[in-house]
PDB file of all heavy atoms in Angstrom:
ATOM      1  N   LEU A   1     -48.334  11.204 -65.281  1.00  0.00           N
ATOM      2  CA  LEU A   1     -49.433  11.851 -64.584  1.00  0.00           C
ATOM      3  C   LEU A   1     -50.441  10.787 -64.188  1.00  0.00           C
ATOM      4  O   LEU A   1     -50.871   9.989 -65.023  1.00  0.00           O
ATOM      5  CB  LEU A   1     -50.117  12.888 -65.467  1.00  0.00           C
ATOM      6  CG  LEU A   1     -49.284  14.098 -65.852  1.00  0.00           C
ATOM      7  CD1 LEU A   1     -50.064  14.969 -66.826  1.00  0.00           C
ATOM      8  CD2 LEU A   1     -48.917  14.893 -64.615  1.00  0.00           C
ATOM      9  N   LEU A   2     -50.812  10.769 -62.925  1.00  0.00           N
ATOM     10  CA  LEU A   2     -51.813   9.835 -62.434  1.00  0.00           C
ATOM     11  C   LEU A   2     -53.041  10.601 -61.997  1.00  0.00           C
ATOM     12  O   LEU A   2     -52.935  11.642 -61.351  1.00  0.00           O
ATOM     13  CB  LEU A   2     -51.261   9.026 -61.257  1.00  0.00           C
ATOM     14  CG  LEU A   2     -50.056   8.153 -61.552  1.00  0.00           C
ATOM     15  CD1 LEU A   2     -49.546   7.525 -60.265  1.00  0.00           C
ATOM     16  CD2 LEU A   2     -50.410   7.091 -62.553  1.00  0.00           C
ATOM     17  N   PHE A   3     -54.209  10.082 -62.331  1.00  0.00           N
ATOM     18  CA  PHE A   3     -55.462  10.705 -61.951  1.00  0.00           C
ATOM     19  C   PHE A   3     -56.274   9.701 -61.161  1.00  0.00           C
ATOM     20  O   PHE A   3     -56.339   8.530 -61.520  1.00  0.00           O
ATOM     21  CB  PHE A   3     -56.249  11.161 -63.182  1.00  0.00           C
ATOM     22  CG  PHE A   3     -55.565  12.228 -63.963  1.00  0.00           C
ATOM     23  CD1 PHE A   3     -54.765  11.915 -65.050  1.00  0.00           C
ATOM     24  CD2 PHE A   3     -55.697  13.557 -63.617  1.00  0.00           C
ATOM     25  CE1 PHE A   3     -54.129  12.895 -65.784  1.00  0.00           C
ATOM     26  CE2 PHE A   3     -55.063  14.548 -64.332  1.00  0.00           C
ATOM     27  CZ  PHE A   3     -54.276  14.216 -65.419  1.00  0.00           C
ATOM     28  N   SER A   4     -56.915  10.170 -60.124  1.00  0.00           N
ATOM     29  CA  SER A   4     -57.783   9.322 -59.323  1.00  0.00           C
ATOM     30  C   SER A   4     -59.226   9.560 -59.731  1.00  0.00           C
ATOM     31  O   SER A   4     -59.624  10.682 -60.012  1.00  0.00           O
ATOM     32  CB  SER A   4     -57.614   9.658 -57.829  1.00  0.00           C
ATOM     33  OG  SER A   4     -58.602   9.000 -57.075  1.00  0.00           O
ATOM     34  N   GLY A   5     -60.017   8.493 -59.747  1.00  0.00           N
ATOM     35  CA  GLY A   5     -61.436   8.634 -60.036  1.00  0.00           C
ATOM     36  C   GLY A   5     -62.250   8.935 -58.796  1.00  0.00           C
ATOM     37  O   GLY A   5     -63.455   9.120 -58.866  1.00  0.00           O
ATOM     38  N   ALA A   6     -61.592   8.971 -57.628  1.00  0.00           N
ATOM     39  CA  ALA A   6     -62.301   9.236 -56.379  1.00  0.00           C
ATOM     40  C   ALA A   6     -62.679  10.716 -56.283  1.00  0.00           C
ATOM     41  O   ALA A   6     -61.929  11.586 -56.707  1.00  0.00           O
ATOM     42  CB  ALA A   6     -61.436   8.852 -55.184  1.00  0.00           C
ATOM     43  N   PRO A   7     -63.853  11.003 -55.724  1.00  0.00           N
ATOM     44  CA  PRO A   7     -64.233  12.401 -55.513  1.00  0.00           C
ATOM     45  C   PRO A   7     -63.244  13.099 -54.564  1.00  0.00           C
ATOM     46  O   PRO A   7     -62.608  12.445 -53.727  1.00  0.00           O
ATOM     47  CB  PRO A   7     -65.619  12.303 -54.874  1.00  0.00           C
ATOM     48  CG  PRO A   7     -66.108  10.934 -55.194  1.00  0.00           C
ATOM     49  CD  PRO A   7     -64.892  10.077 -55.293  1.00  0.00           C
ATOM     50  N   ILE A   8     -63.146  14.401 -54.662  1.00  0.00           N
ATOM     51  CA  ILE A   8     -62.256  15.175 -53.795  1.00  0.00           C
ATOM     52  C   ILE A   8     -62.670  14.981 -52.338  1.00  0.00           C
ATOM     53  O   ILE A   8     -63.851  15.088 -51.991  1.00  0.00           O
ATOM     54  CB  ILE A   8     -62.300  16.669 -54.173  1.00  0.00           C
ATOM     55  CG1 ILE A   8     -61.732  16.856 -55.576  1.00  0.00           C
ATOM     56  CG2 ILE A   8     -61.538  17.524 -53.166  1.00  0.00           C
ATOM     57  CD1 ILE A   8     -61.921  18.241 -56.136  1.00  0.00           C
ATOM     58  N   GLY A   9     -61.685  14.679 -51.490  1.00  0.00           N
ATOM     59  CA  GLY A   9     -61.928  14.532 -50.057  1.00  0.00           C
ATOM     60  C   GLY A   9     -62.489  13.186 -49.647  1.00  0.00           C
ATOM     61  O   GLY A   9     -62.886  13.013 -48.500  1.00  0.00           O
ATOM     62  N   VAL A  10     -62.528  12.205 -50.557  1.00  0.00           N
ATOM     63  CA  VAL A  10     -63.091  10.888 -50.250  1.00  0.00           C
ATOM     64  C   VAL A  10     -62.031   9.814 -50.451  1.00  0.00           C
ATOM     65  O   VAL A  10     -61.350   9.801 -51.480  1.00  0.00           O
ATOM     66  CB  VAL A  10     -64.313  10.584 -51.143  1.00  0.00           C
ATOM     67  CG1 VAL A  10     -64.855   9.192 -50.890  1.00  0.00           C
ATOM     68  CG2 VAL A  10     -65.400  11.631 -50.935  1.00  0.00           C
ATOM     69  N   SER A  11     -61.866   8.925 -49.467  1.00  0.00           N
ATOM     70  CA  SER A  11     -60.938   7.807 -49.593  1.00  0.00           C
ATOM     71  C   SER A  11     -61.457   6.634 -48.770  1.00  0.00           C
ATOM     72  O   SER A  11     -62.338   6.791 -47.921  1.00  0.00           O
ATOM     73  CB  SER A  11     -59.535   8.213 -49.120  1.00  0.00           C
ATOM     74  OG  SER A  11     -59.565   8.613 -47.757  1.00  0.00           O
ATOM     75  N   THR A  12     -60.921   5.452 -49.043  1.00  0.00           N
ATOM     76  CA  THR A  12     -61.314   4.263 -48.292  1.00  0.00           C
ATOM     77  C   THR A  12     -60.152   3.791 -47.435  1.00  0.00           C
ATOM     78  O   THR A  12     -58.996   4.152 -47.677  1.00  0.00           O
ATOM     79  CB  THR A  12     -61.755   3.118 -49.230  1.00  0.00           C
ATOM     80  OG1 THR A  12     -60.707   2.817 -50.129  1.00  0.00           O
ATOM     81  CG2 THR A  12     -63.017   3.486 -49.992  1.00  0.00           C
ATOM     82  N   PHE A  13     -60.481   2.961 -46.441  1.00  0.00           N
ATOM     83  CA  PHE A  13     -59.464   2.403 -45.556  1.00  0.00           C
ATOM     84  C   PHE A  13     -59.975   1.084 -44.990  1.00  0.00           C
ATOM     85  O   PHE A  13     -61.170   0.802 -45.026  1.00  0.00           O
ATOM     86  CB  PHE A  13     -59.118   3.388 -44.427  1.00  0.00           C
ATOM     87  CG  PHE A  13     -60.267   3.682 -43.507  1.00  0.00           C
ATOM     88  CD1 PHE A  13     -60.418   2.976 -42.313  1.00  0.00           C
ATOM     89  CD2 PHE A  13     -61.213   4.643 -43.819  1.00  0.00           C
ATOM     90  CE1 PHE A  13     -61.485   3.236 -41.472  1.00  0.00           C
ATOM     91  CE2 PHE A  13     -62.281   4.910 -42.979  1.00  0.00           C
ATOM     92  CZ  PHE A  13     -62.412   4.208 -41.797  1.00  0.00           C
ATOM     93  N   GLY A  14     -59.072   0.301 -44.446  1.00  0.00           N
ATOM     94  CA  GLY A  14     -59.450  -0.968 -43.826  1.00  0.00           C
ATOM     95  C   GLY A  14     -59.820  -2.013 -44.864  1.00  0.00           C
ATOM     96  O   GLY A  14     -59.596  -1.841 -46.061  1.00  0.00           O
ATOM     97  N   ASN A  15     -60.399  -3.106 -44.376  1.00  0.00           N
ATOM     98  CA  ASN A  15     -60.751  -4.229 -45.235  1.00  0.00           C
ATOM     99  C   ASN A  15     -62.214  -4.583 -45.075  1.00  0.00           C
ATOM    100  O   ASN A  15     -62.742  -4.547 -43.978  1.00  0.00           O
ATOM    101  CB  ASN A  15     -59.915  -5.458 -44.880  1.00  0.00           C
ATOM    102  CG  ASN A  15     -58.448  -5.238 -45.141  1.00  0.00           C
ATOM    103  OD1 ASN A  15     -58.070  -4.837 -46.231  1.00  0.00           O
ATOM    104  ND2 ASN A  15     -57.621  -5.475 -44.140  1.00  0.00           N
ATOM    105  N   GLY A  16     -62.834  -4.963 -46.176  1.00  0.00           N
ATOM    106  CA  GLY A  16     -64.171  -5.517 -46.140  1.00  0.00           C
ATOM    107  C   GLY A  16     -64.087  -7.024 -45.963  1.00  0.00           C
ATOM    108  O   GLY A  16     -63.046  -7.629 -46.209  1.00  0.00           O
ATOM    109  N   VAL A  17     -65.196  -7.633 -45.545  1.00  0.00           N
ATOM    110  CA  VAL A  17     -65.239  -9.075 -45.318  1.00  0.00           C
ATOM    111  C   VAL A  17     -66.534  -9.619 -45.907  1.00  0.00           C
ATOM    112  O   VAL A  17     -67.606  -9.043 -45.702  1.00  0.00           O
ATOM    113  CB  VAL A  17     -65.159  -9.398 -43.805  1.00  0.00           C
ATOM    114  CG1 VAL A  17     -65.318 -10.892 -43.564  1.00  0.00           C
ATOM    115  CG2 VAL A  17     -63.847  -8.900 -43.220  1.00  0.00           C
ATOM    116  N   SER A  18     -66.439 -10.734 -46.618  1.00  0.00           N
ATOM    117  CA  SER A  18     -67.625 -11.365 -47.197  1.00  0.00           C
ATOM    118  C   SER A  18     -68.244 -12.323 -46.189  1.00  0.00           C
ATOM    119  O   SER A  18     -67.642 -12.662 -45.182  1.00  0.00           O
ATOM    120  CB  SER A  18     -67.245 -12.124 -48.465  1.00  0.00           C
ATOM    121  OG  SER A  18     -66.380 -13.194 -48.152  1.00  0.00           O
ATOM    122  N   SER A  19     -69.473 -12.723 -46.466  1.00  0.00           N
ATOM    123  CA  SER A  19     -70.118 -13.788 -45.706  1.00  0.00           C
ATOM    124  C   SER A  19     -70.219 -14.995 -46.638  1.00  0.00           C
ATOM    125  O   SER A  19     -69.926 -14.885 -47.821  1.00  0.00           O
ATOM    126  CB  SER A  19     -71.490 -13.339 -45.188  1.00  0.00           C
ATOM    127  OG  SER A  19     -72.333 -12.989 -46.256  1.00  0.00           O
ATOM    128  N   PRO A  20     -70.629 -16.171 -46.133  1.00  0.00           N
ATOM    129  CA  PRO A  20     -70.683 -17.361 -46.998  1.00  0.00           C
ATOM    130  C   PRO A  20     -71.500 -17.115 -48.270  1.00  0.00           C
ATOM    131  O   PRO A  20     -72.592 -16.560 -48.220  1.00  0.00           O
ATOM    132  CB  PRO A  20     -71.354 -18.408 -46.110  1.00  0.00           C
ATOM    133  CG  PRO A  20     -71.032 -17.977 -44.722  1.00  0.00           C
ATOM    134  CD  PRO A  20     -71.022 -16.470 -44.767  1.00  0.00           C
ATOM    135  N   ASN A  21     -70.945 -17.494 -49.389  1.00  0.00           N
ATOM    136  CA  ASN A  21     -71.587 -17.389 -50.704  1.00  0.00           C
ATOM    137  C   ASN A  21     -71.894 -15.960 -51.138  1.00  0.00           C
ATOM    138  O   ASN A  21     -72.753 -15.736 -51.978  1.00  0.00           O
ATOM    139  CB  ASN A  21     -72.872 -18.227 -50.763  1.00  0.00           C
ATOM    140  CG  ASN A  21     -72.599 -19.683 -50.459  1.00  0.00           C
ATOM    141  OD1 ASN A  21     -71.624 -20.245 -50.941  1.00  0.00           O
ATOM    142  ND2 ASN A  21     -73.443 -20.276 -49.650  1.00  0.00           N
ATOM    143  N   VAL A  22     -71.244 -14.987 -50.532  1.00  0.00           N
ATOM    144  CA  VAL A  22     -71.451 -13.580 -50.880  1.00  0.00           C
ATOM    145  C   VAL A  22     -70.077 -12.922 -51.005  1.00  0.00           C
ATOM    146  O   VAL A  22     -69.199 -13.167 -50.192  1.00  0.00           O
ATOM    147  CB  VAL A  22     -72.284 -12.852 -49.792  1.00  0.00           C
ATOM    148  CG1 VAL A  22     -72.436 -11.378 -50.112  1.00  0.00           C
ATOM    149  CG2 VAL A  22     -73.636 -13.500 -49.631  1.00  0.00           C
ATOM    150  N   GLN A  23     -69.908 -12.089 -52.027  1.00  0.00           N
ATOM    151  CA  GLN A  23     -68.633 -11.396 -52.175  1.00  0.00           C
ATOM    152  C   GLN A  23     -68.517 -10.239 -51.186  1.00  0.00           C
ATOM    153  O   GLN A  23     -69.476  -9.909 -50.487  1.00  0.00           O
ATOM    154  CB  GLN A  23     -68.460 -10.922 -53.604  1.00  0.00           C
ATOM    155  CG  GLN A  23     -69.549  -9.996 -54.106  1.00  0.00           C
ATOM    156  CD  GLN A  23     -69.412  -9.741 -55.596  1.00  0.00           C
ATOM    157  OE1 GLN A  23     -68.309  -9.599 -56.106  1.00  0.00           O
ATOM    158  NE2 GLN A  23     -70.517  -9.687 -56.298  1.00  0.00           N
ATOM    159  N   ILE A  24     -67.373  -9.625 -51.140  1.00  0.00           N
ATOM    160  CA  ILE A  24     -67.164  -8.494 -50.226  1.00  0.00           C
ATOM    161  C   ILE A  24     -67.989  -7.313 -50.724  1.00  0.00           C
ATOM    162  O   ILE A  24     -67.849  -6.889 -51.873  1.00  0.00           O
ATOM    163  CB  ILE A  24     -65.674  -8.112 -50.161  1.00  0.00           C
ATOM    164  CG1 ILE A  24     -64.854  -9.261 -49.568  1.00  0.00           C
ATOM    165  CG2 ILE A  24     -65.483  -6.840 -49.335  1.00  0.00           C
ATOM    166  CD1 ILE A  24     -63.358  -9.046 -49.628  1.00  0.00           C
ATOM    167  N   PRO A  25     -68.886  -6.775 -49.867  1.00  0.00           N
ATOM    168  CA  PRO A  25     -69.678  -5.619 -50.294  1.00  0.00           C
ATOM    169  C   PRO A  25     -68.794  -4.383 -50.463  1.00  0.00           C
ATOM    170  O   PRO A  25     -67.740  -4.276 -49.850  1.00  0.00           O
ATOM    171  CB  PRO A  25     -70.693  -5.440 -49.161  1.00  0.00           C
ATOM    172  CG  PRO A  25     -70.112  -6.138 -47.991  1.00  0.00           C
ATOM    173  CD  PRO A  25     -69.200  -7.193 -48.506  1.00  0.00           C
ATOM    174  N   ARG A  26     -69.256  -3.452 -51.292  1.00  0.00           N
ATOM    175  CA  ARG A  26     -68.462  -2.271 -51.612  1.00  0.00           C
ATOM    176  C   ARG A  26     -69.161  -1.002 -51.123  1.00  0.00           C
ATOM    177  O   ARG A  26     -70.360  -0.842 -51.291  1.00  0.00           O
ATOM    178  CB  ARG A  26     -68.260  -2.197 -53.115  1.00  0.00           C
ATOM    179  CG  ARG A  26     -67.455  -0.973 -53.542  1.00  0.00           C
ATOM    180  CD  ARG A  26     -67.171  -0.983 -54.997  1.00  0.00           C
ATOM    181  NE  ARG A  26     -66.119  -1.963 -55.219  1.00  0.00           N
ATOM    182  CZ  ARG A  26     -65.759  -2.383 -56.430  1.00  0.00           C
ATOM    183  NH1 ARG A  26     -66.372  -1.939 -57.495  1.00  0.00           N
ATOM    184  NH2 ARG A  26     -64.785  -3.242 -56.554  1.00  0.00           N
ATOM    185  N   ILE A  27     -68.371  -0.109 -50.532  1.00  0.00           N
ATOM    186  CA  ILE A  27     -68.850   1.212 -50.128  1.00  0.00           C
ATOM    187  C   ILE A  27     -68.334   2.229 -51.141  1.00  0.00           C
ATOM    188  O   ILE A  27     -67.244   2.066 -51.694  1.00  0.00           O
ATOM    189  CB  ILE A  27     -68.383   1.574 -48.697  1.00  0.00           C
ATOM    190  CG1 ILE A  27     -69.077   2.837 -48.191  1.00  0.00           C
ATOM    191  CG2 ILE A  27     -66.865   1.689 -48.620  1.00  0.00           C
ATOM    192  CD1 ILE A  27     -68.857   3.112 -46.702  1.00  0.00           C
ATOM    193  N   GLY A  28     -69.121   3.257 -51.408  1.00  0.00           N
ATOM    194  CA  GLY A  28     -68.700   4.302 -52.325  1.00  0.00           C
ATOM    195  C   GLY A  28     -69.488   5.567 -52.078  1.00  0.00           C
ATOM    196  O   GLY A  28     -70.444   5.586 -51.305  1.00  0.00           O
ATOM    197  N   ALA A  29     -69.068   6.626 -52.720  1.00  0.00           N
ATOM    198  CA  ALA A  29     -69.738   7.920 -52.583  1.00  0.00           C
ATOM    199  C   ALA A  29     -69.973   8.516 -53.956  1.00  0.00           C
ATOM    200  O   ALA A  29     -69.177   8.313 -54.873  1.00  0.00           O
ATOM    201  CB  ALA A  29     -68.896   8.868 -51.743  1.00  0.00           C
ATOM    202  N   THR A  30     -71.054   9.248 -54.080  1.00  0.00           N
ATOM    203  CA  THR A  30     -71.355   9.955 -55.318  1.00  0.00           C
ATOM    204  C   THR A  30     -70.967  11.414 -55.110  1.00  0.00           C
ATOM    205  O   THR A  30     -71.639  12.144 -54.397  1.00  0.00           O
ATOM    206  CB  THR A  30     -72.855   9.840 -55.662  1.00  0.00           C
ATOM    207  OG1 THR A  30     -73.208   8.461 -55.708  1.00  0.00           O
ATOM    208  CG2 THR A  30     -73.157  10.493 -56.992  1.00  0.00           C
ATOM    209  N   GLY A  31     -69.857  11.809 -55.683  1.00  0.00           N
ATOM    210  CA  GLY A  31     -69.387  13.177 -55.524  1.00  0.00           C
ATOM    211  C   GLY A  31     -68.698  13.402 -54.193  1.00  0.00           C
ATOM    212  O   GLY A  31     -68.427  12.469 -53.437  1.00  0.00           O
TER     213      GLY A  31
END
């Protein structure tokens, strides 16, 4: 059995990109 921690109806796609000396920023949703 696999469970996702993502809220119902929410998913991500594509790729993020960092800038110099900065990591890739993250998008997310609360609920």
